[in-house]
Amino acid sequence: MSAPQVAPTETPDVEETPSSERPWVTVVHNDPVNLMSYVTWVFQRLFGYSEDKAHKLMLDVHHKGRAVVSAGARETMEHDAARLHSYGLWATVSKD
């Protein structure tokens, strides 16, 4: 009697990063209150971004409704969101 033959299983081409390895992100959302120049200034002040990078992120917030402004450990992202709140910006923390 011969051993049963086992066909190799196909592995999907899609690589999924386990959720535990995905970074947390701080997202700033658009609001009708803050001026665009103020949002740019806050990004420069809090994150040390250049004026060009801060302006690009502000435009993402304005046109797309949101922008990821930082990524990292959950506790750090919660701290970033709290700092943004203290400047009157609407920010949330989520998995990337």
PDB file of N, CA and C in Angstrom:
ATOM      1  N   MET A   1       0.841  -1.161   0.000  1.00  0.00           N
ATOM      2  CA  MET A   1       0.000   0.000   0.000  1.00  0.00           C
ATOM      3  C   MET A   1       0.892   1.232   0.000  1.00  0.00           C
ATOM      4  N   SER A   2       0.563   2.183  -0.834  1.00  0.00           N
ATOM      5  CA  SER A   2       1.388   3.385  -0.916  1.00  0.00           C
ATOM      6  C   SER A   2       0.764   4.495  -0.074  1.00  0.00           C
ATOM      7  N   ALA A   3       1.614   5.439   0.316  1.00  0.00           N
ATOM      8  CA  ALA A   3       1.155   6.567   1.143  1.00  0.00           C
ATOM      9  C   ALA A   3       0.292   7.499   0.302  1.00  0.00           C
ATOM     10  N   PRO A   4      -0.723   8.088   0.909  1.00  0.00           N
ATOM     11  CA  PRO A   4      -1.562   9.013   0.138  1.00  0.00           C
ATOM     12  C   PRO A   4      -0.744  10.226  -0.301  1.00  0.00           C
ATOM     13  N   GLN A   5      -1.071  10.718  -1.477  1.00  0.00           N
ATOM     14  CA  GLN A   5      -0.366  11.887  -1.984  1.00  0.00           C
ATOM     15  C   GLN A   5      -1.093  13.148  -1.534  1.00  0.00           C
ATOM     16  N   VAL A   6      -0.309  14.089  -1.100  1.00  0.00           N
ATOM     17  CA  VAL A   6      -0.871  15.354  -0.630  1.00  0.00           C
ATOM     18  C   VAL A   6      -0.439  16.448  -1.585  1.00  0.00           C
ATOM     19  N   ALA A   7      -1.405  17.141  -2.129  1.00  0.00           N
ATOM     20  CA  ALA A   7      -1.089  18.250  -3.031  1.00  0.00           C
ATOM     21  C   ALA A   7      -0.671  19.456  -2.197  1.00  0.00           C
ATOM     22  N   PRO A   8       0.375  20.150  -2.641  1.00  0.00           N
ATOM     23  CA  PRO A   8       0.786  21.343  -1.887  1.00  0.00           C
ATOM     24  C   PRO A   8      -0.313  22.406  -1.936  1.00  0.00           C
ATOM     25  N   THR A   9      -0.483  23.067  -0.818  1.00  0.00           N
ATOM     26  CA  THR A   9      -1.492  24.126  -0.779  1.00  0.00           C
ATOM     27  C   THR A   9      -0.897  25.397  -1.346  1.00  0.00           C
ATOM     28  N   GLU A  10      -1.746  26.176  -1.953  1.00  0.00           N
ATOM     29  CA  GLU A  10      -1.283  27.443  -2.497  1.00  0.00           C
ATOM     30  C   GLU A  10      -1.270  28.488  -1.386  1.00  0.00           C
ATOM     31  N   THR A  11      -0.233  29.289  -1.391  1.00  0.00           N
ATOM     32  CA  THR A  11      -0.170  30.378  -0.421  1.00  0.00           C
ATOM     33  C   THR A  11      -0.533  31.664  -1.141  1.00  0.00           C
ATOM     34  N   PRO A  12      -1.329  32.493  -0.533  1.00  0.00           N
ATOM     35  CA  PRO A  12      -1.731  33.736  -1.202  1.00  0.00           C
ATOM     36  C   PRO A  12      -0.540  34.665  -1.376  1.00  0.00           C
ATOM     37  N   ASP A  13      -0.593  35.472  -2.421  1.00  0.00           N
ATOM     38  CA  ASP A  13       0.470  36.430  -2.697  1.00  0.00           C
ATOM     39  C   ASP A  13       0.374  37.668  -1.814  1.00  0.00           C
ATOM     40  N   VAL A  14      -0.726  37.811  -1.108  1.00  0.00           N
ATOM     41  CA  VAL A  14      -0.952  38.988  -0.270  1.00  0.00           C
ATOM     42  C   VAL A  14      -0.249  38.801   1.060  1.00  0.00           C
ATOM     43  N   GLU A  15       0.571  39.798   1.399  1.00  0.00           N
ATOM     44  CA  GLU A  15       1.226  39.767   2.710  1.00  0.00           C
ATOM     45  C   GLU A  15       0.403  40.611   3.660  1.00  0.00           C
ATOM     46  N   GLU A  16       0.010  40.025   4.753  1.00  0.00           N
ATOM     47  CA  GLU A  16      -0.728  40.774   5.759  1.00  0.00           C
ATOM     48  C   GLU A  16       0.160  40.964   6.971  1.00  0.00           C
ATOM     49  N   THR A  17       0.208  42.175   7.434  1.00  0.00           N
ATOM     50  CA  THR A  17       0.968  42.469   8.636  1.00  0.00           C
ATOM     51  C   THR A  17       0.060  42.217   9.824  1.00  0.00           C
ATOM     52  N   PRO A  18       0.506  41.398  10.766  1.00  0.00           N
ATOM     53  CA  PRO A  18      -0.326  41.167  11.945  1.00  0.00           C
ATOM     54  C   PRO A  18      -0.653  42.493  12.625  1.00  0.00           C
ATOM     55  N   SER A  19      -1.858  42.584  13.160  1.00  0.00           N
ATOM     56  CA  SER A  19      -2.277  43.857  13.745  1.00  0.00           C
ATOM     57  C   SER A  19      -1.368  44.294  14.884  1.00  0.00           C
ATOM     58  N   SER A  20      -0.730  43.349  15.560  1.00  0.00           N
ATOM     59  CA  SER A  20       0.161  43.721  16.659  1.00  0.00           C
ATOM     60  C   SER A  20       1.426  44.403  16.160  1.00  0.00           C
ATOM     61  N   GLU A  21       1.746  44.238  14.860  1.00  0.00           N
ATOM     62  CA  GLU A  21       2.955  44.846  14.309  1.00  0.00           C
ATOM     63  C   GLU A  21       2.662  46.152  13.577  1.00  0.00           C
ATOM     64  N   ARG A  22       1.401  46.447  13.302  1.00  0.00           N
ATOM     65  CA  ARG A  22       1.063  47.691  12.626  1.00  0.00           C
ATOM     66  C   ARG A  22       1.177  48.835  13.614  1.00  0.00           C
ATOM     67  N   PRO A  23       1.725  49.960  13.169  1.00  0.00           N
ATOM     68  CA  PRO A  23       1.866  51.073  14.095  1.00  0.00           C
ATOM     69  C   PRO A  23       0.530  51.771  14.344  1.00  0.00           C
ATOM     70  N   TRP A  24       0.475  52.443  15.460  1.00  0.00           N
ATOM     71  CA  TRP A  24      -0.654  53.313  15.761  1.00  0.00           C
ATOM     72  C   TRP A  24      -0.375  54.648  15.090  1.00  0.00           C
ATOM     73  N   VAL A  25      -1.425  55.367  14.752  1.00  0.00           N
ATOM     74  CA  VAL A  25      -1.266  56.665  14.107  1.00  0.00           C
ATOM     75  C   VAL A  25      -2.146  57.700  14.791  1.00  0.00           C
ATOM     76  N   THR A  26      -1.703  58.947  14.702  1.00  0.00           N
ATOM     77  CA  THR A  26      -2.509  60.074  15.139  1.00  0.00           C
ATOM     78  C   THR A  26      -3.030  60.752  13.882  1.00  0.00           C
ATOM     79  N   VAL A  27      -4.348  60.903  13.816  1.00  0.00           N
ATOM     80  CA  VAL A  27      -5.008  61.478  12.647  1.00  0.00           C
ATOM     81  C   VAL A  27      -5.653  62.799  13.049  1.00  0.00           C
ATOM     82  N   VAL A  28      -5.381  63.836  12.268  1.00  0.00           N
ATOM     83  CA  VAL A  28      -6.037  65.128  12.470  1.00  0.00           C
ATOM     84  C   VAL A  28      -7.161  65.225  11.443  1.00  0.00           C
ATOM     85  N   HIS A  29      -8.345  65.632  11.917  1.00  0.00           N
ATOM     86  CA  HIS A  29      -9.535  65.735  11.071  1.00  0.00           C
ATOM     87  C   HIS A  29      -9.857  67.191  10.785  1.00  0.00           C
ATOM     88  N   ASN A  30     -10.492  67.405   9.654  1.00  0.00           N
ATOM     89  CA  ASN A  30     -10.889  68.753   9.262  1.00  0.00           C
ATOM     90  C   ASN A  30     -11.971  69.285  10.207  1.00  0.00           C
ATOM     91  N   ASP A  31     -11.916  70.579  10.443  1.00  0.00           N
ATOM     92  CA  ASP A  31     -12.966  71.221  11.239  1.00  0.00           C
ATOM     93  C   ASP A  31     -13.243  72.598  10.640  1.00  0.00           C
ATOM     94  N   PRO A  32     -14.401  73.144  10.903  1.00  0.00           N
ATOM     95  CA  PRO A  32     -14.752  74.443  10.325  1.00  0.00           C
ATOM     96  C   PRO A  32     -14.263  75.639  11.147  1.00  0.00           C
ATOM     97  N   VAL A  33     -13.469  75.378  12.179  1.00  0.00           N
ATOM     98  CA  VAL A  33     -13.111  76.434  13.117  1.00  0.00           C
ATOM     99  C   VAL A  33     -11.716  77.009  12.881  1.00  0.00           C
ATOM    100  N   ASN A  34     -10.716  76.137  12.768  1.00  0.00           N
ATOM    101  CA  ASN A  34      -9.327  76.587  12.750  1.00  0.00           C
ATOM    102  C   ASN A  34      -8.879  77.041  11.357  1.00  0.00           C
ATOM    103  N   LEU A  35      -8.128  78.131  11.342  1.00  0.00           N
ATOM    104  CA  LEU A  35      -7.568  78.633  10.092  1.00  0.00           C
ATOM    105  C   LEU A  35      -6.476  77.693   9.591  1.00  0.00           C
ATOM    106  N   MET A  36      -6.313  77.644   8.280  1.00  0.00           N
ATOM    107  CA  MET A  36      -5.293  76.774   7.697  1.00  0.00           C
ATOM    108  C   MET A  36      -3.899  77.182   8.163  1.00  0.00           C
ATOM    109  N   SER A  37      -3.649  78.468   8.274  1.00  0.00           N
ATOM    110  CA  SER A  37      -2.328  78.935   8.723  1.00  0.00           C
ATOM    111  C   SER A  37      -2.064  78.495  10.163  1.00  0.00           C
ATOM    112  N   TYR A  38      -3.104  78.478  10.986  1.00  0.00           N
ATOM    113  CA  TYR A  38      -2.955  78.034  12.378  1.00  0.00           C
ATOM    114  C   TYR A  38      -2.637  76.550  12.441  1.00  0.00           C
ATOM    115  N   VAL A  39      -3.335  75.732  11.651  1.00  0.00           N
ATOM    116  CA  VAL A  39      -3.083  74.287  11.636  1.00  0.00           C
ATOM    117  C   VAL A  39      -1.642  74.024  11.197  1.00  0.00           C
ATOM    118  N   THR A  40      -1.177  74.733  10.174  1.00  0.00           N
ATOM    119  CA  THR A  40       0.214  74.595   9.717  1.00  0.00           C
ATOM    120  C   THR A  40       1.170  74.943  10.849  1.00  0.00           C
ATOM    121  N   TRP A  41       0.907  76.028  11.546  1.00  0.00           N
ATOM    122  CA  TRP A  41       1.755  76.463  12.658  1.00  0.00           C
ATOM    123  C   TRP A  41       1.795  75.415  13.767  1.00  0.00           C
ATOM    124  N   VAL A  42       0.636  74.830  14.102  1.00  0.00           N
ATOM    125  CA  VAL A  42       0.585  73.806  15.156  1.00  0.00           C
ATOM    126  C   VAL A  42       1.434  72.605  14.763  1.00  0.00           C
ATOM    127  N   PHE A  43       1.332  72.155  13.511  1.00  0.00           N
ATOM    128  CA  PHE A  43       2.131  71.002  13.063  1.00  0.00           C
ATOM    129  C   PHE A  43       3.622  71.302  13.175  1.00  0.00           C
ATOM    130  N   GLN A  44       4.015  72.513  12.837  1.00  0.00           N
ATOM    131  CA  GLN A  44       5.421  72.894  12.954  1.00  0.00           C
ATOM    132  C   GLN A  44       5.850  72.924  14.420  1.00  0.00           C
ATOM    133  N   ARG A  45       5.032  73.510  15.236  1.00  0.00           N
ATOM    134  CA  ARG A  45       5.368  73.677  16.659  1.00  0.00           C
ATOM    135  C   ARG A  45       5.438  72.341  17.394  1.00  0.00           C
ATOM    136  N   LEU A  46       4.420  71.483  17.212  1.00  0.00           N
ATOM    137  CA  LEU A  46       4.356  70.241  17.972  1.00  0.00           C
ATOM    138  C   LEU A  46       5.288  69.149  17.442  1.00  0.00           C
ATOM    139  N   PHE A  47       5.419  69.069  16.125  1.00  0.00           N
ATOM    140  CA  PHE A  47       6.164  67.948  15.545  1.00  0.00           C
ATOM    141  C   PHE A  47       7.495  68.361  14.923  1.00  0.00           C
ATOM    142  N   GLY A  48       7.765  69.663  14.886  1.00  0.00           N
ATOM    143  CA  GLY A  48       9.025  70.136  14.318  1.00  0.00           C
ATOM    144  C   GLY A  48       9.092  69.974  12.814  1.00  0.00           C
ATOM    145  N   TYR A  49       7.928  69.882  12.152  1.00  0.00           N
ATOM    146  CA  TYR A  49       7.908  69.729  10.702  1.00  0.00           C
ATOM    147  C   TYR A  49       8.341  71.017  10.029  1.00  0.00           C
ATOM    148  N   SER A  50       8.941  70.870   8.856  1.00  0.00           N
ATOM    149  CA  SER A  50       9.278  72.043   8.052  1.00  0.00           C
ATOM    150  C   SER A  50       7.981  72.718   7.624  1.00  0.00           C
ATOM    151  N   GLU A  51       8.073  73.949   7.203  1.00  0.00           N
ATOM    152  CA  GLU A  51       6.878  74.656   6.759  1.00  0.00           C
ATOM    153  C   GLU A  51       6.227  73.943   5.578  1.00  0.00           C
ATOM    154  N   ASP A  52       7.051  73.413   4.664  1.00  0.00           N
ATOM    155  CA  ASP A  52       6.512  72.706   3.495  1.00  0.00           C
ATOM    156  C   ASP A  52       5.744  71.450   3.900  1.00  0.00           C
ATOM    157  N   LYS A  53       6.334  70.646   4.800  1.00  0.00           N
ATOM    158  CA  LYS A  53       5.663  69.412   5.223  1.00  0.00           C
ATOM    159  C   LYS A  53       4.391  69.737   6.006  1.00  0.00           C
ATOM    160  N   ALA A  54       4.465  70.702   6.902  1.00  0.00           N
ATOM    161  CA  ALA A  54       3.299  71.095   7.687  1.00  0.00           C
ATOM    162  C   ALA A  54       2.189  71.615   6.774  1.00  0.00           C
ATOM    163  N   HIS A  55       2.558  72.373   5.761  1.00  0.00           N
ATOM    164  CA  HIS A  55       1.577  72.912   4.820  1.00  0.00           C
ATOM    165  C   HIS A  55       0.924  71.780   4.015  1.00  0.00           C
ATOM    166  N   LYS A  56       1.718  70.804   3.587  1.00  0.00           N
ATOM    167  CA  LYS A  56       1.181  69.670   2.839  1.00  0.00           C
ATOM    168  C   LYS A  56       0.188  68.883   3.701  1.00  0.00           C
ATOM    169  N   LEU A  57       0.546  68.624   4.954  1.00  0.00           N
ATOM    170  CA  LEU A  57      -0.364  67.905   5.856  1.00  0.00           C
ATOM    171  C   LEU A  57      -1.649  68.703   6.086  1.00  0.00           C
ATOM    172  N   MET A  58      -1.513  70.006   6.248  1.00  0.00           N
ATOM    173  CA  MET A  58      -2.692  70.851   6.435  1.00  0.00           C
ATOM    174  C   MET A  58      -3.595  70.775   5.216  1.00  0.00           C
ATOM    175  N   LEU A  59      -3.012  70.766   4.009  1.00  0.00           N
ATOM    176  CA  LEU A  59      -3.828  70.665   2.798  1.00  0.00           C
ATOM    177  C   LEU A  59      -4.537  69.318   2.718  1.00  0.00           C
ATOM    178  N   ASP A  60      -3.864  68.247   3.178  1.00  0.00           N
ATOM    179  CA  ASP A  60      -4.527  66.947   3.234  1.00  0.00           C
ATOM    180  C   ASP A  60      -5.737  67.003   4.165  1.00  0.00           C
ATOM    181  N   VAL A  61      -5.561  67.631   5.314  1.00  0.00           N
ATOM    182  CA  VAL A  61      -6.676  67.779   6.257  1.00  0.00           C
ATOM    183  C   VAL A  61      -7.800  68.558   5.591  1.00  0.00           C
ATOM    184  N   HIS A  62      -7.449  69.634   4.930  1.00  0.00           N
ATOM    185  CA  HIS A  62      -8.454  70.515   4.327  1.00  0.00           C
ATOM    186  C   HIS A  62      -9.187  69.849   3.158  1.00  0.00           C
ATOM    187  N   HIS A  63      -8.440  69.214   2.259  1.00  0.00           N
ATOM    188  CA  HIS A  63      -9.044  68.650   1.043  1.00  0.00           C
ATOM    189  C   HIS A  63      -9.560  67.223   1.217  1.00  0.00           C
ATOM    190  N   LYS A  64      -8.821  66.402   1.957  1.00  0.00           N
ATOM    191  CA  LYS A  64      -9.208  64.995   2.127  1.00  0.00           C
ATOM    192  C   LYS A  64     -10.006  64.757   3.403  1.00  0.00           C
ATOM    193  N   GLY A  65      -9.999  65.743   4.298  1.00  0.00           N
ATOM    194  CA  GLY A  65     -10.743  65.614   5.536  1.00  0.00           C
ATOM    195  C   GLY A  65      -9.954  65.037   6.689  1.00  0.00           C
ATOM    196  N   ARG A  66      -8.736  64.592   6.404  1.00  0.00           N
ATOM    197  CA  ARG A  66      -7.903  64.008   7.466  1.00  0.00           C
ATOM    198  C   ARG A  66      -6.469  63.864   6.975  1.00  0.00           C
ATOM    199  N   ALA A  67      -5.545  63.759   7.934  1.00  0.00           N
ATOM    200  CA  ALA A  67      -4.139  63.494   7.619  1.00  0.00           C
ATOM    201  C   ALA A  67      -3.494  62.798   8.812  1.00  0.00           C
ATOM    202  N   VAL A  68      -2.648  61.826   8.512  1.00  0.00           N
ATOM    203  CA  VAL A  68      -1.859  61.160   9.550  1.00  0.00           C
ATOM    204  C   VAL A  68      -0.657  62.049   9.842  1.00  0.00           C
ATOM    205  N   VAL A  69      -0.528  62.483  11.083  1.00  0.00           N
ATOM    206  CA  VAL A  69       0.544  63.408  11.434  1.00  0.00           C
ATOM    207  C   VAL A  69       1.673  62.752  12.223  1.00  0.00           C
ATOM    208  N   SER A  70       1.410  61.561  12.807  1.00  0.00           N
ATOM    209  CA  SER A  70       2.478  60.847  13.507  1.00  0.00           C
ATOM    210  C   SER A  70       2.112  59.374  13.601  1.00  0.00           C
ATOM    211  N   ALA A  71       3.135  58.541  13.777  1.00  0.00           N
ATOM    212  CA  ALA A  71       2.932  57.092  13.883  1.00  0.00           C
ATOM    213  C   ALA A  71       3.924  56.528  14.886  1.00  0.00           C
ATOM    214  N   GLY A  72       3.477  55.506  15.626  1.00  0.00           N
ATOM    215  CA  GLY A  72       4.358  54.901  16.613  1.00  0.00           C
ATOM    216  C   GLY A  72       3.581  54.113  17.647  1.00  0.00           C
ATOM    217  N   ALA A  73       4.128  54.040  18.836  1.00  0.00           N
ATOM    218  CA  ALA A  73       3.515  53.296  19.934  1.00  0.00           C
ATOM    219  C   ALA A  73       2.206  53.965  20.362  1.00  0.00           C
ATOM    220  N   ARG A  74       1.278  53.159  20.827  1.00  0.00           N
ATOM    221  CA  ARG A  74      -0.048  53.669  21.188  1.00  0.00           C
ATOM    222  C   ARG A  74       0.029  54.806  22.198  1.00  0.00           C
ATOM    223  N   GLU A  75       0.825  54.642  23.235  1.00  0.00           N
ATOM    224  CA  GLU A  75       0.917  55.657  24.282  1.00  0.00           C
ATOM    225  C   GLU A  75       1.428  56.983  23.721  1.00  0.00           C
ATOM    226  N   THR A  76       2.394  56.921  22.823  1.00  0.00           N
ATOM    227  CA  THR A  76       2.940  58.130  22.212  1.00  0.00           C
ATOM    228  C   THR A  76       1.892  58.811  21.347  1.00  0.00           C
ATOM    229  N   MET A  77       1.121  58.014  20.604  1.00  0.00           N
ATOM    230  CA  MET A  77       0.082  58.581  19.741  1.00  0.00           C
ATOM    231  C   MET A  77      -1.034  59.210  20.574  1.00  0.00           C
ATOM    232  N   GLU A  78      -1.362  58.604  21.704  1.00  0.00           N
ATOM    233  CA  GLU A  78      -2.367  59.201  22.593  1.00  0.00           C
ATOM    234  C   GLU A  78      -1.866  60.532  23.150  1.00  0.00           C
ATOM    235  N   HIS A  79      -0.586  60.595  23.452  1.00  0.00           N
ATOM    236  CA  HIS A  79       0.008  61.842  23.931  1.00  0.00           C
ATOM    237  C   HIS A  79      -0.039  62.904  22.830  1.00  0.00           C
ATOM    238  N   ASP A  80       0.301  62.506  21.589  1.00  0.00           N
ATOM    239  CA  ASP A  80       0.244  63.449  20.467  1.00  0.00           C
ATOM    240  C   ASP A  80      -1.179  63.974  20.277  1.00  0.00           C
ATOM    241  N   ALA A  81      -2.168  63.085  20.349  1.00  0.00           N
ATOM    242  CA  ALA A  81      -3.563  63.507  20.189  1.00  0.00           C
ATOM    243  C   ALA A  81      -3.961  64.489  21.293  1.00  0.00           C
ATOM    244  N   ALA A  82      -3.543  64.223  22.513  1.00  0.00           N
ATOM    245  CA  ALA A  82      -3.859  65.121  23.628  1.00  0.00           C
ATOM    246  C   ALA A  82      -3.217  66.493  23.412  1.00  0.00           C
ATOM    247  N   ARG A  83      -2.003  66.517  22.916  1.00  0.00           N
ATOM    248  CA  ARG A  83      -1.347  67.798  22.638  1.00  0.00           C
ATOM    249  C   ARG A  83      -2.090  68.564  21.546  1.00  0.00           C
ATOM    250  N   LEU A  84      -2.519  67.846  20.508  1.00  0.00           N
ATOM    251  CA  LEU A  84      -3.284  68.495  19.442  1.00  0.00           C
ATOM    252  C   LEU A  84      -4.607  69.035  19.972  1.00  0.00           C
ATOM    253  N   HIS A  85      -5.250  68.278  20.866  1.00  0.00           N
ATOM    254  CA  HIS A  85      -6.496  68.742  21.487  1.00  0.00           C
ATOM    255  C   HIS A  85      -6.256  70.039  22.259  1.00  0.00           C
ATOM    256  N   SER A  86      -5.115  70.124  22.928  1.00  0.00           N
ATOM    257  CA  SER A  86      -4.837  71.323  23.716  1.00  0.00           C
ATOM    258  C   SER A  86      -4.697  72.566  22.830  1.00  0.00           C
ATOM    259  N   TYR A  87      -4.430  72.367  21.547  1.00  0.00           N
ATOM    260  CA  TYR A  87      -4.367  73.465  20.586  1.00  0.00           C
ATOM    261  C   TYR A  87      -5.684  73.631  19.832  1.00  0.00           C
ATOM    262  N   GLY A  88      -6.695  72.876  20.223  1.00  0.00           N
ATOM    263  CA  GLY A  88      -8.010  73.030  19.619  1.00  0.00           C
ATOM    264  C   GLY A  88      -8.237  72.262  18.334  1.00  0.00           C
ATOM    265  N   LEU A  89      -7.350  71.318  18.026  1.00  0.00           N
ATOM    266  CA  LEU A  89      -7.528  70.520  16.811  1.00  0.00           C
ATOM    267  C   LEU A  89      -8.234  69.213  17.143  1.00  0.00           C
ATOM    268  N   TRP A  90      -8.971  68.693  16.176  1.00  0.00           N
ATOM    269  CA  TRP A  90      -9.694  67.429  16.338  1.00  0.00           C
ATOM    270  C   TRP A  90      -8.765  66.320  15.887  1.00  0.00           C
ATOM    271  N   ALA A  91      -8.335  65.463  16.820  1.00  0.00           N
ATOM    272  CA  ALA A  91      -7.397  64.385  16.504  1.00  0.00           C
ATOM    273  C   ALA A  91      -7.882  63.074  17.140  1.00  0.00           C
ATOM    274  N   THR A  92      -7.610  61.984  16.443  1.00  0.00           N
ATOM    275  CA  THR A  92      -7.944  60.655  16.954  1.00  0.00           C
ATOM    276  C   THR A  92      -6.735  59.750  16.808  1.00  0.00           C
ATOM    277  N   VAL A  93      -6.780  58.623  17.511  1.00  0.00           N
ATOM    278  CA  VAL A  93      -5.718  57.623  17.456  1.00  0.00           C
ATOM    279  C   VAL A  93      -6.330  56.328  16.929  1.00  0.00           C
ATOM    280  N   SER A  94      -5.638  55.676  15.992  1.00  0.00           N
ATOM    281  CA  SER A  94      -6.124  54.408  15.446  1.00  0.00           C
ATOM    282  C   SER A  94      -4.952  53.588  14.935  1.00  0.00           C
ATOM    283  N   LYS A  95      -5.260  52.340  14.609  1.00  0.00           N
ATOM    284  CA  LYS A  95      -4.264  51.473  13.975  1.00  0.00           C
ATOM    285  C   LYS A  95      -4.144  51.873  12.529  1.00  0.00           C
ATOM    286  N   ASP A  96      -2.911  51.851  12.014  1.00  0.00           N
ATOM    287  CA  ASP A  96      -2.672  52.195  10.610  1.00  0.00           C
ATOM    288  C   ASP A  96      -3.247  51.144   9.697  1.00  0.00           C
TER     289      ASP A  96
END
